[in-house]
């Protein structure tokens, strides 16, 4: 069950933005492979999907910080760790 008081819940669009994904990423993944989201980590309220941080980490396989790092590398392929 999603706790609406939890600070780690967000709209699907906010989650996609925070994980550097396409705007409709969460909706597409949930439609095609709902099993990627553990029980209680995603819920539909009317037409709006709400997802938890745990749900996004499970669906993407990366934390929000990792997603931002990988996105930065994809945008700037000349950046290398020293």
PDB file of N, CA and C in Angstrom:
ATOM      1  N   UNK A   1       0.845  -1.177   0.000  1.00  0.00           N
ATOM      2  CA  UNK A   1       0.000   0.000   0.000  1.00  0.00           C
ATOM      3  C   UNK A   1       0.890   1.239   0.000  1.00  0.00           C
ATOM      4  N   UNK A   2       0.593   2.183  -0.842  1.00  0.00           N
ATOM      5  CA  UNK A   2       1.358   3.423  -0.922  1.00  0.00           C
ATOM      6  C   UNK A   2       0.904   4.372   0.186  1.00  0.00           C
ATOM      7  N   UNK A   3       1.866   4.877   0.944  1.00  0.00           N
ATOM      8  CA  UNK A   3       1.603   5.858   1.990  1.00  0.00           C
ATOM      9  C   UNK A   3       1.733   7.242   1.361  1.00  0.00           C
ATOM     10  N   UNK A   4       0.632   7.946   1.216  1.00  0.00           N
ATOM     11  CA  UNK A   4       0.641   9.243   0.540  1.00  0.00           C
ATOM     12  C   UNK A   4       1.404  10.316   1.315  1.00  0.00           C
ATOM     13  N   UNK A   5       1.765  10.030   2.552  1.00  0.00           N
ATOM     14  CA  UNK A   5       2.566  10.980   3.333  1.00  0.00           C
ATOM     15  C   UNK A   5       4.059  10.782   3.100  1.00  0.00           C
ATOM     16  N   UNK A   6       4.415   9.727   2.402  1.00  0.00           N
ATOM     17  CA  UNK A   6       5.816   9.389   2.136  1.00  0.00           C
ATOM     18  C   UNK A   6       6.443  10.426   1.203  1.00  0.00           C
ATOM     19  N   UNK A   7       7.623  10.903   1.560  1.00  0.00           N
ATOM     20  CA  UNK A   7       8.313  11.895   0.725  1.00  0.00           C
ATOM     21  C   UNK A   7       8.946  11.261  -0.508  1.00  0.00           C
ATOM     22  N   UNK A   8       8.999   9.941  -0.550  1.00  0.00           N
ATOM     23  CA  UNK A   8       9.608   9.248  -1.685  1.00  0.00           C
ATOM     24  C   UNK A   8       8.581   8.790  -2.707  1.00  0.00           C
ATOM     25  N   UNK A   9       7.398   9.416  -2.747  1.00  0.00           N
ATOM     26  CA  UNK A   9       6.443   9.094  -3.799  1.00  0.00           C
ATOM     27  C   UNK A   9       6.314  10.297  -4.721  1.00  0.00           C
ATOM     28  N   UNK A  10       6.059  10.010  -5.984  1.00  0.00           N
ATOM     29  CA  UNK A  10       6.024  11.078  -6.988  1.00  0.00           C
ATOM     30  C   UNK A  10       5.125  10.664  -8.139  1.00  0.00           C
ATOM     31  N   UNK A  11       4.740  11.631  -8.931  1.00  0.00           N
ATOM     32  CA  UNK A  11       3.963  11.323 -10.130  1.00  0.00           C
ATOM     33  C   UNK A  11       4.871  10.596 -11.117  1.00  0.00           C
ATOM     34  N   UNK A  12       4.273   9.907 -12.058  1.00  0.00           N
ATOM     35  CA  UNK A  12       5.074   9.180 -13.046  1.00  0.00           C
ATOM     36  C   UNK A  12       5.930  10.137 -13.870  1.00  0.00           C
ATOM     37  N   UNK A  13       5.407  11.323 -14.163  1.00  0.00           N
ATOM     38  CA  UNK A  13       6.181  12.299 -14.945  1.00  0.00           C
ATOM     39  C   UNK A  13       7.358  12.847 -14.138  1.00  0.00           C
ATOM     40  N   UNK A  14       7.136  13.117 -12.858  1.00  0.00           N
ATOM     41  CA  UNK A  14       8.232  13.596 -12.009  1.00  0.00           C
ATOM     42  C   UNK A  14       9.308  12.521 -11.877  1.00  0.00           C
ATOM     43  N   UNK A  15       8.871  11.271 -11.687  1.00  0.00           N
ATOM     44  CA  UNK A  15       9.824  10.165 -11.561  1.00  0.00           C
ATOM     45  C   UNK A  15      10.661  10.023 -12.826  1.00  0.00           C
ATOM     46  N   UNK A  16      10.008  10.079 -13.972  1.00  0.00           N
ATOM     47  CA  UNK A  16      10.734   9.965 -15.243  1.00  0.00           C
ATOM     48  C   UNK A  16      11.764  11.082 -15.370  1.00  0.00           C
ATOM     49  N   UNK A  17      11.389  12.274 -14.992  1.00  0.00           N
ATOM     50  CA  UNK A  17      12.313  13.412 -15.070  1.00  0.00           C
ATOM     51  C   UNK A  17      13.488  13.218 -14.111  1.00  0.00           C
ATOM     52  N   UNK A  18      13.196  12.778 -12.890  1.00  0.00           N
ATOM     53  CA  UNK A  18      14.260  12.594 -11.899  1.00  0.00           C
ATOM     54  C   UNK A  18      15.226  11.484 -12.288  1.00  0.00           C
ATOM     55  N   UNK A  19      14.744  10.475 -13.012  1.00  0.00           N
ATOM     56  CA  UNK A  19      15.604   9.372 -13.460  1.00  0.00           C
ATOM     57  C   UNK A  19      16.135   9.612 -14.875  1.00  0.00           C
ATOM     58  N   UNK A  20      15.917  10.830 -15.402  1.00  0.00           N
ATOM     59  CA  UNK A  20      16.434  11.201 -16.729  1.00  0.00           C
ATOM     60  C   UNK A  20      15.880  10.297 -17.839  1.00  0.00           C
ATOM     61  N   UNK A  21      14.592   9.980 -17.746  1.00  0.00           N
ATOM     62  CA  UNK A  21      13.921   9.135 -18.734  1.00  0.00           C
ATOM     63  C   UNK A  21      12.910   9.961 -19.517  1.00  0.00           C
ATOM     64  N   UNK A  22      12.379   9.373 -20.577  1.00  0.00           N
ATOM     65  CA  UNK A  22      11.334  10.033 -21.363  1.00  0.00           C
ATOM     66  C   UNK A  22      10.106  10.259 -20.479  1.00  0.00           C
ATOM     67  N   UNK A  23       9.353  11.294 -20.789  1.00  0.00           N
ATOM     68  CA  UNK A  23       8.198  11.692 -19.992  1.00  0.00           C
ATOM     69  C   UNK A  23       7.205  10.551 -19.754  1.00  0.00           C
ATOM     70  N   UNK A  24       7.012   9.685 -20.740  1.00  0.00           N
ATOM     71  CA  UNK A  24       6.036   8.595 -20.627  1.00  0.00           C
ATOM     72  C   UNK A  24       6.682   7.261 -20.225  1.00  0.00           C
ATOM     73  N   UNK A  25       7.914   7.286 -19.756  1.00  0.00           N
ATOM     74  CA  UNK A  25       8.660   6.066 -19.419  1.00  0.00           C
ATOM     75  C   UNK A  25       7.910   5.175 -18.423  1.00  0.00           C
ATOM     76  N   UNK A  26       7.486   5.738 -17.304  1.00  0.00           N
ATOM     77  CA  UNK A  26       6.843   4.938 -16.251  1.00  0.00           C
ATOM     78  C   UNK A  26       5.570   4.298 -16.784  1.00  0.00           C
ATOM     79  N   UNK A  27       4.760   5.073 -17.474  1.00  0.00           N
ATOM     80  CA  UNK A  27       3.500   4.558 -18.022  1.00  0.00           C
ATOM     81  C   UNK A  27       3.756   3.402 -18.991  1.00  0.00           C
ATOM     82  N   UNK A  28       4.752   3.546 -19.860  1.00  0.00           N
ATOM     83  CA  UNK A  28       5.066   2.491 -20.828  1.00  0.00           C
ATOM     84  C   UNK A  28       5.583   1.227 -20.143  1.00  0.00           C
ATOM     85  N   UNK A  29       6.506   1.392 -19.209  1.00  0.00           N
ATOM     86  CA  UNK A  29       7.063   0.222 -18.515  1.00  0.00           C
ATOM     87  C   UNK A  29       5.968  -0.481 -17.726  1.00  0.00           C
ATOM     88  N   UNK A  30       5.128   0.288 -17.042  1.00  0.00           N
ATOM     89  CA  UNK A  30       4.053  -0.310 -16.247  1.00  0.00           C
ATOM     90  C   UNK A  30       3.055  -1.050 -17.133  1.00  0.00           C
ATOM     91  N   UNK A  31       2.760  -0.506 -18.293  1.00  0.00           N
ATOM     92  CA  UNK A  31       1.817  -1.158 -19.210  1.00  0.00           C
ATOM     93  C   UNK A  31       2.404  -2.449 -19.774  1.00  0.00           C
ATOM     94  N   UNK A  32       3.691  -2.416 -20.145  1.00  0.00           N
ATOM     95  CA  UNK A  32       4.322  -3.574 -20.793  1.00  0.00           C
ATOM     96  C   UNK A  32       4.814  -4.626 -19.806  1.00  0.00           C
ATOM     97  N   UNK A  33       5.382  -4.189 -18.685  1.00  0.00           N
ATOM     98  CA  UNK A  33       5.969  -5.132 -17.717  1.00  0.00           C
ATOM     99  C   UNK A  33       5.671  -4.689 -16.284  1.00  0.00           C
ATOM    100  N   UNK A  34       4.423  -4.793 -15.863  1.00  0.00           N
ATOM    101  CA  UNK A  34       4.062  -4.339 -14.512  1.00  0.00           C
ATOM    102  C   UNK A  34       4.795  -5.095 -13.406  1.00  0.00           C
ATOM    103  N   UNK A  35       5.286  -6.288 -13.713  1.00  0.00           N
ATOM    104  CA  UNK A  35       5.997  -7.070 -12.701  1.00  0.00           C
ATOM    105  C   UNK A  35       7.323  -6.432 -12.286  1.00  0.00           C
ATOM    106  N   UNK A  36       7.802  -5.450 -13.032  1.00  0.00           N
ATOM    107  CA  UNK A  36       9.040  -4.748 -12.656  1.00  0.00           C
ATOM    108  C   UNK A  36       8.842  -3.893 -11.404  1.00  0.00           C
ATOM    109  N   UNK A  37       7.598  -3.570 -11.094  1.00  0.00           N
ATOM    110  CA  UNK A  37       7.287  -2.764  -9.917  1.00  0.00           C
ATOM    111  C   UNK A  37       6.814  -3.684  -8.792  1.00  0.00           C
ATOM    112  N   UNK A  38       7.548  -3.748  -7.677  1.00  0.00           N
ATOM    113  CA  UNK A  38       7.098  -4.581  -6.553  1.00  0.00           C
ATOM    114  C   UNK A  38       5.721  -4.130  -6.060  1.00  0.00           C
ATOM    115  N   UNK A  39       5.000  -5.045  -5.462  1.00  0.00           N
ATOM    116  CA  UNK A  39       3.669  -4.737  -4.940  1.00  0.00           C
ATOM    117  C   UNK A  39       3.732  -3.520  -4.019  1.00  0.00           C
ATOM    118  N   UNK A  40       2.791  -2.602  -4.209  1.00  0.00           N
ATOM    119  CA  UNK A  40       2.696  -1.425  -3.361  1.00  0.00           C
ATOM    120  C   UNK A  40       3.599  -0.272  -3.746  1.00  0.00           C
ATOM    121  N   UNK A  41       4.323  -0.375  -4.872  1.00  0.00           N
ATOM    122  CA  UNK A  41       5.232   0.708  -5.260  1.00  0.00           C
ATOM    123  C   UNK A  41       4.687   1.576  -6.385  1.00  0.00           C
ATOM    124  N   UNK A  42       3.551   1.202  -6.941  1.00  0.00           N
ATOM    125  CA  UNK A  42       2.936   2.009  -8.002  1.00  0.00           C
ATOM    126  C   UNK A  42       1.421   1.870  -7.888  1.00  0.00           C
ATOM    127  N   UNK A  43       0.725   2.952  -8.160  1.00  0.00           N
ATOM    128  CA  UNK A  43      -0.731   2.916  -8.071  1.00  0.00           C
ATOM    129  C   UNK A  43      -1.309   3.964  -9.002  1.00  0.00           C
ATOM    130  N   UNK A  44      -2.461   3.642  -9.544  1.00  0.00           N
ATOM    131  CA  UNK A  44      -3.156   4.561 -10.439  1.00  0.00           C
ATOM    132  C   UNK A  44      -4.294   5.234  -9.673  1.00  0.00           C
ATOM    133  N   UNK A  45      -4.318   6.563  -9.725  1.00  0.00           N
ATOM    134  CA  UNK A  45      -5.393   7.362  -9.146  1.00  0.00           C
ATOM    135  C   UNK A  45      -6.069   8.072 -10.309  1.00  0.00           C
ATOM    136  N   UNK A  46      -7.202   7.562 -10.740  1.00  0.00           N
ATOM    137  CA  UNK A  46      -7.846   8.105 -11.932  1.00  0.00           C
ATOM    138  C   UNK A  46      -6.958   7.833 -13.130  1.00  0.00           C
ATOM    139  N   UNK A  47      -6.464   8.883 -13.758  1.00  0.00           N
ATOM    140  CA  UNK A  47      -5.557   8.719 -14.900  1.00  0.00           C
ATOM    141  C   UNK A  47      -4.097   8.918 -14.505  1.00  0.00           C
ATOM    142  N   UNK A  48      -3.857   9.262 -13.243  1.00  0.00           N
ATOM    143  CA  UNK A  48      -2.510   9.589 -12.768  1.00  0.00           C
ATOM    144  C   UNK A  48      -1.837   8.379 -12.120  1.00  0.00           C
ATOM    145  N   UNK A  49      -0.615   8.074 -12.550  1.00  0.00           N
ATOM    146  CA  UNK A  49       0.183   7.036 -11.903  1.00  0.00           C
ATOM    147  C   UNK A  49       1.071   7.680 -10.851  1.00  0.00           C
ATOM    148  N   UNK A  50       1.137   7.052  -9.687  1.00  0.00           N
ATOM    149  CA  UNK A  50       2.001   7.495  -8.602  1.00  0.00           C
ATOM    150  C   UNK A  50       2.952   6.347  -8.308  1.00  0.00           C
ATOM    151  N   UNK A  51       4.235   6.658  -8.170  1.00  0.00           N
ATOM    152  CA  UNK A  51       5.252   5.626  -7.991  1.00  0.00           C
ATOM    153  C   UNK A  51       6.185   6.021  -6.849  1.00  0.00           C
ATOM    154  N   UNK A  52       6.732   5.022  -6.173  1.00  0.00           N
ATOM    155  CA  UNK A  52       7.688   5.276  -5.098  1.00  0.00           C
ATOM    156  C   UNK A  52       9.113   5.186  -5.629  1.00  0.00           C
ATOM    157  N   UNK A  53      10.038   5.693  -4.831  1.00  0.00           N
ATOM    158  CA  UNK A  53      11.459   5.593  -5.177  1.00  0.00           C
ATOM    159  C   UNK A  53      11.848   4.119  -5.343  1.00  0.00           C
ATOM    160  N   UNK A  54      11.370   3.272  -4.438  1.00  0.00           N
ATOM    161  CA  UNK A  54      11.670   1.837  -4.518  1.00  0.00           C
ATOM    162  C   UNK A  54      11.161   1.250  -5.837  1.00  0.00           C
ATOM    163  N   UNK A  55       9.987   1.668  -6.270  1.00  0.00           N
ATOM    164  CA  UNK A  55       9.432   1.195  -7.537  1.00  0.00           C
ATOM    165  C   UNK A  55      10.284   1.605  -8.720  1.00  0.00           C
ATOM    166  N   UNK A  56      10.741   2.850  -8.709  1.00  0.00           N
ATOM    167  CA  UNK A  56      11.599   3.327  -9.803  1.00  0.00           C
ATOM    168  C   UNK A  56      12.941   2.611  -9.809  1.00  0.00           C
ATOM    169  N   UNK A  57      13.505   2.406  -8.629  1.00  0.00           N
ATOM    170  CA  UNK A  57      14.789   1.706  -8.557  1.00  0.00           C
ATOM    171  C   UNK A  57      14.652   0.280  -9.066  1.00  0.00           C
ATOM    172  N   UNK A  58      13.542  -0.355  -8.753  1.00  0.00           N
ATOM    173  CA  UNK A  58      13.302  -1.717  -9.218  1.00  0.00           C
ATOM    174  C   UNK A  58      13.074  -1.756 -10.731  1.00  0.00           C
ATOM    175  N   UNK A  59      12.285  -0.825 -11.239  1.00  0.00           N
ATOM    176  CA  UNK A  59      11.958  -0.808 -12.671  1.00  0.00           C
ATOM    177  C   UNK A  59      13.161  -0.454 -13.540  1.00  0.00           C
ATOM    178  N   UNK A  60      14.011   0.460 -13.056  1.00  0.00           N
ATOM    179  CA  UNK A  60      15.146   0.913 -13.867  1.00  0.00           C
ATOM    180  C   UNK A  60      16.431   0.157 -13.566  1.00  0.00           C
ATOM    181  N   UNK A  61      16.508  -0.430 -12.374  1.00  0.00           N
ATOM    182  CA  UNK A  61      17.737  -1.121 -11.979  1.00  0.00           C
ATOM    183  C   UNK A  61      18.826  -0.176 -11.514  1.00  0.00           C
ATOM    184  N   UNK A  62      18.464   1.090 -11.267  1.00  0.00           N
ATOM    185  CA  UNK A  62      19.454   2.058 -10.803  1.00  0.00           C
ATOM    186  C   UNK A  62      18.816   3.069  -9.862  1.00  0.00           C
ATOM    187  N   UNK A  63      19.625   3.605  -8.956  1.00  0.00           N
ATOM    188  CA  UNK A  63      19.144   4.652  -8.068  1.00  0.00           C
ATOM    189  C   UNK A  63      19.024   5.948  -8.852  1.00  0.00           C
ATOM    190  N   UNK A  64      18.398   6.932  -8.241  1.00  0.00           N
ATOM    191  CA  UNK A  64      18.257   8.229  -8.905  1.00  0.00           C
ATOM    192  C   UNK A  64      19.635   8.843  -9.179  1.00  0.00           C
ATOM    193  N   UNK A  65      20.550   8.724  -8.239  1.00  0.00           N
ATOM    194  CA  UNK A  65      21.908   9.268  -8.412  1.00  0.00           C
ATOM    195  C   UNK A  65      22.626   8.559  -9.552  1.00  0.00           C
ATOM    196  N   UNK A  66      22.528   7.230  -9.596  1.00  0.00           N
ATOM    197  CA  UNK A  66      23.161   6.475 -10.688  1.00  0.00           C
ATOM    198  C   UNK A  66      22.574   6.876 -12.038  1.00  0.00           C
ATOM    199  N   UNK A  67      21.263   7.044 -12.084  1.00  0.00           N
ATOM    200  CA  UNK A  67      20.607   7.425 -13.338  1.00  0.00           C
ATOM    201  C   UNK A  67      21.124   8.772 -13.829  1.00  0.00           C
ATOM    202  N   UNK A  68      21.283   9.716 -12.915  1.00  0.00           N
ATOM    203  CA  UNK A  68      21.796  11.039 -13.295  1.00  0.00           C
ATOM    204  C   UNK A  68      23.243  10.951 -13.766  1.00  0.00           C
ATOM    205  N   UNK A  69      24.047  10.111 -13.109  1.00  0.00           N
ATOM    206  CA  UNK A  69      25.442   9.945 -13.525  1.00  0.00           C
ATOM    207  C   UNK A  69      25.518   9.336 -14.919  1.00  0.00           C
ATOM    208  N   UNK A  70      24.741   8.277 -15.163  1.00  0.00           N
ATOM    209  CA  UNK A  70      24.752   7.626 -16.474  1.00  0.00           C
ATOM    210  C   UNK A  70      24.233   8.572 -17.553  1.00  0.00           C
ATOM    211  N   UNK A  71      23.210   9.363 -17.226  1.00  0.00           N
ATOM    212  CA  UNK A  71      22.668  10.322 -18.196  1.00  0.00           C
ATOM    213  C   UNK A  71      23.718  11.369 -18.541  1.00  0.00           C
ATOM    214  N   UNK A  72      24.468  11.797 -17.547  1.00  0.00           N
ATOM    215  CA  UNK A  72      25.528  12.779 -17.781  1.00  0.00           C
ATOM    216  C   UNK A  72      26.598  12.211 -18.703  1.00  0.00           C
ATOM    217  N   UNK A  73      26.946  10.953 -18.502  1.00  0.00           N
ATOM    218  CA  UNK A  73      27.948  10.300 -19.349  1.00  0.00           C
ATOM    219  C   UNK A  73      27.416  10.146 -20.772  1.00  0.00           C
ATOM    220  N   UNK A  74      26.129   9.771 -20.903  1.00  0.00           N
ATOM    221  CA  UNK A  74      25.539   9.622 -22.241  1.00  0.00           C
ATOM    222  C   UNK A  74      25.521  10.956 -22.983  1.00  0.00           C
ATOM    223  N   UNK A  75      25.266  12.036 -22.250  1.00  0.00           N
ATOM    224  CA  UNK A  75      25.219  13.357 -22.876  1.00  0.00           C
ATOM    225  C   UNK A  75      26.616  13.871 -23.213  1.00  0.00           C
ATOM    226  N   UNK A  76      27.606  13.469 -22.423  1.00  0.00           N
ATOM    227  CA  UNK A  76      28.991  13.929 -22.600  1.00  0.00           C
ATOM    228  C   UNK A  76      29.926  12.726 -22.641  1.00  0.00           C
ATOM    229  N   UNK A  77      29.981  12.010 -23.747  1.00  0.00           N
ATOM    230  CA  UNK A  77      30.767  10.769 -23.815  1.00  0.00           C
ATOM    231  C   UNK A  77      32.265  10.968 -23.608  1.00  0.00           C
ATOM    232  N   UNK A  78      32.754  12.192 -23.671  1.00  0.00           N
ATOM    233  CA  UNK A  78      34.182  12.440 -23.472  1.00  0.00           C
ATOM    234  C   UNK A  78      34.568  12.530 -21.997  1.00  0.00           C
ATOM    235  N   UNK A  79      33.568  12.540 -21.095  1.00  0.00           N
ATOM    236  CA  UNK A  79      33.844  12.580 -19.661  1.00  0.00           C
ATOM    237  C   UNK A  79      34.266  11.185 -19.221  1.00  0.00           C
ATOM    238  N   UNK A  80      35.363  11.121 -18.500  1.00  0.00           N
ATOM    239  CA  UNK A  80      35.853   9.833 -17.994  1.00  0.00           C
ATOM    240  C   UNK A  80      36.232   9.992 -16.538  1.00  0.00           C
ATOM    241  N   UNK A  81      36.055   8.910 -15.777  1.00  0.00           N
ATOM    242  CA  UNK A  81      36.506   8.905 -14.385  1.00  0.00           C
ATOM    243  C   UNK A  81      38.022   8.877 -14.358  1.00  0.00           C
ATOM    244  N   UNK A  82      38.615   9.624 -13.473  1.00  0.00           N
ATOM    245  CA  UNK A  82      40.073   9.632 -13.330  1.00  0.00           C
ATOM    246  C   UNK A  82      40.491   8.838 -12.126  1.00  0.00           C
TER     247      UNK A  82
END
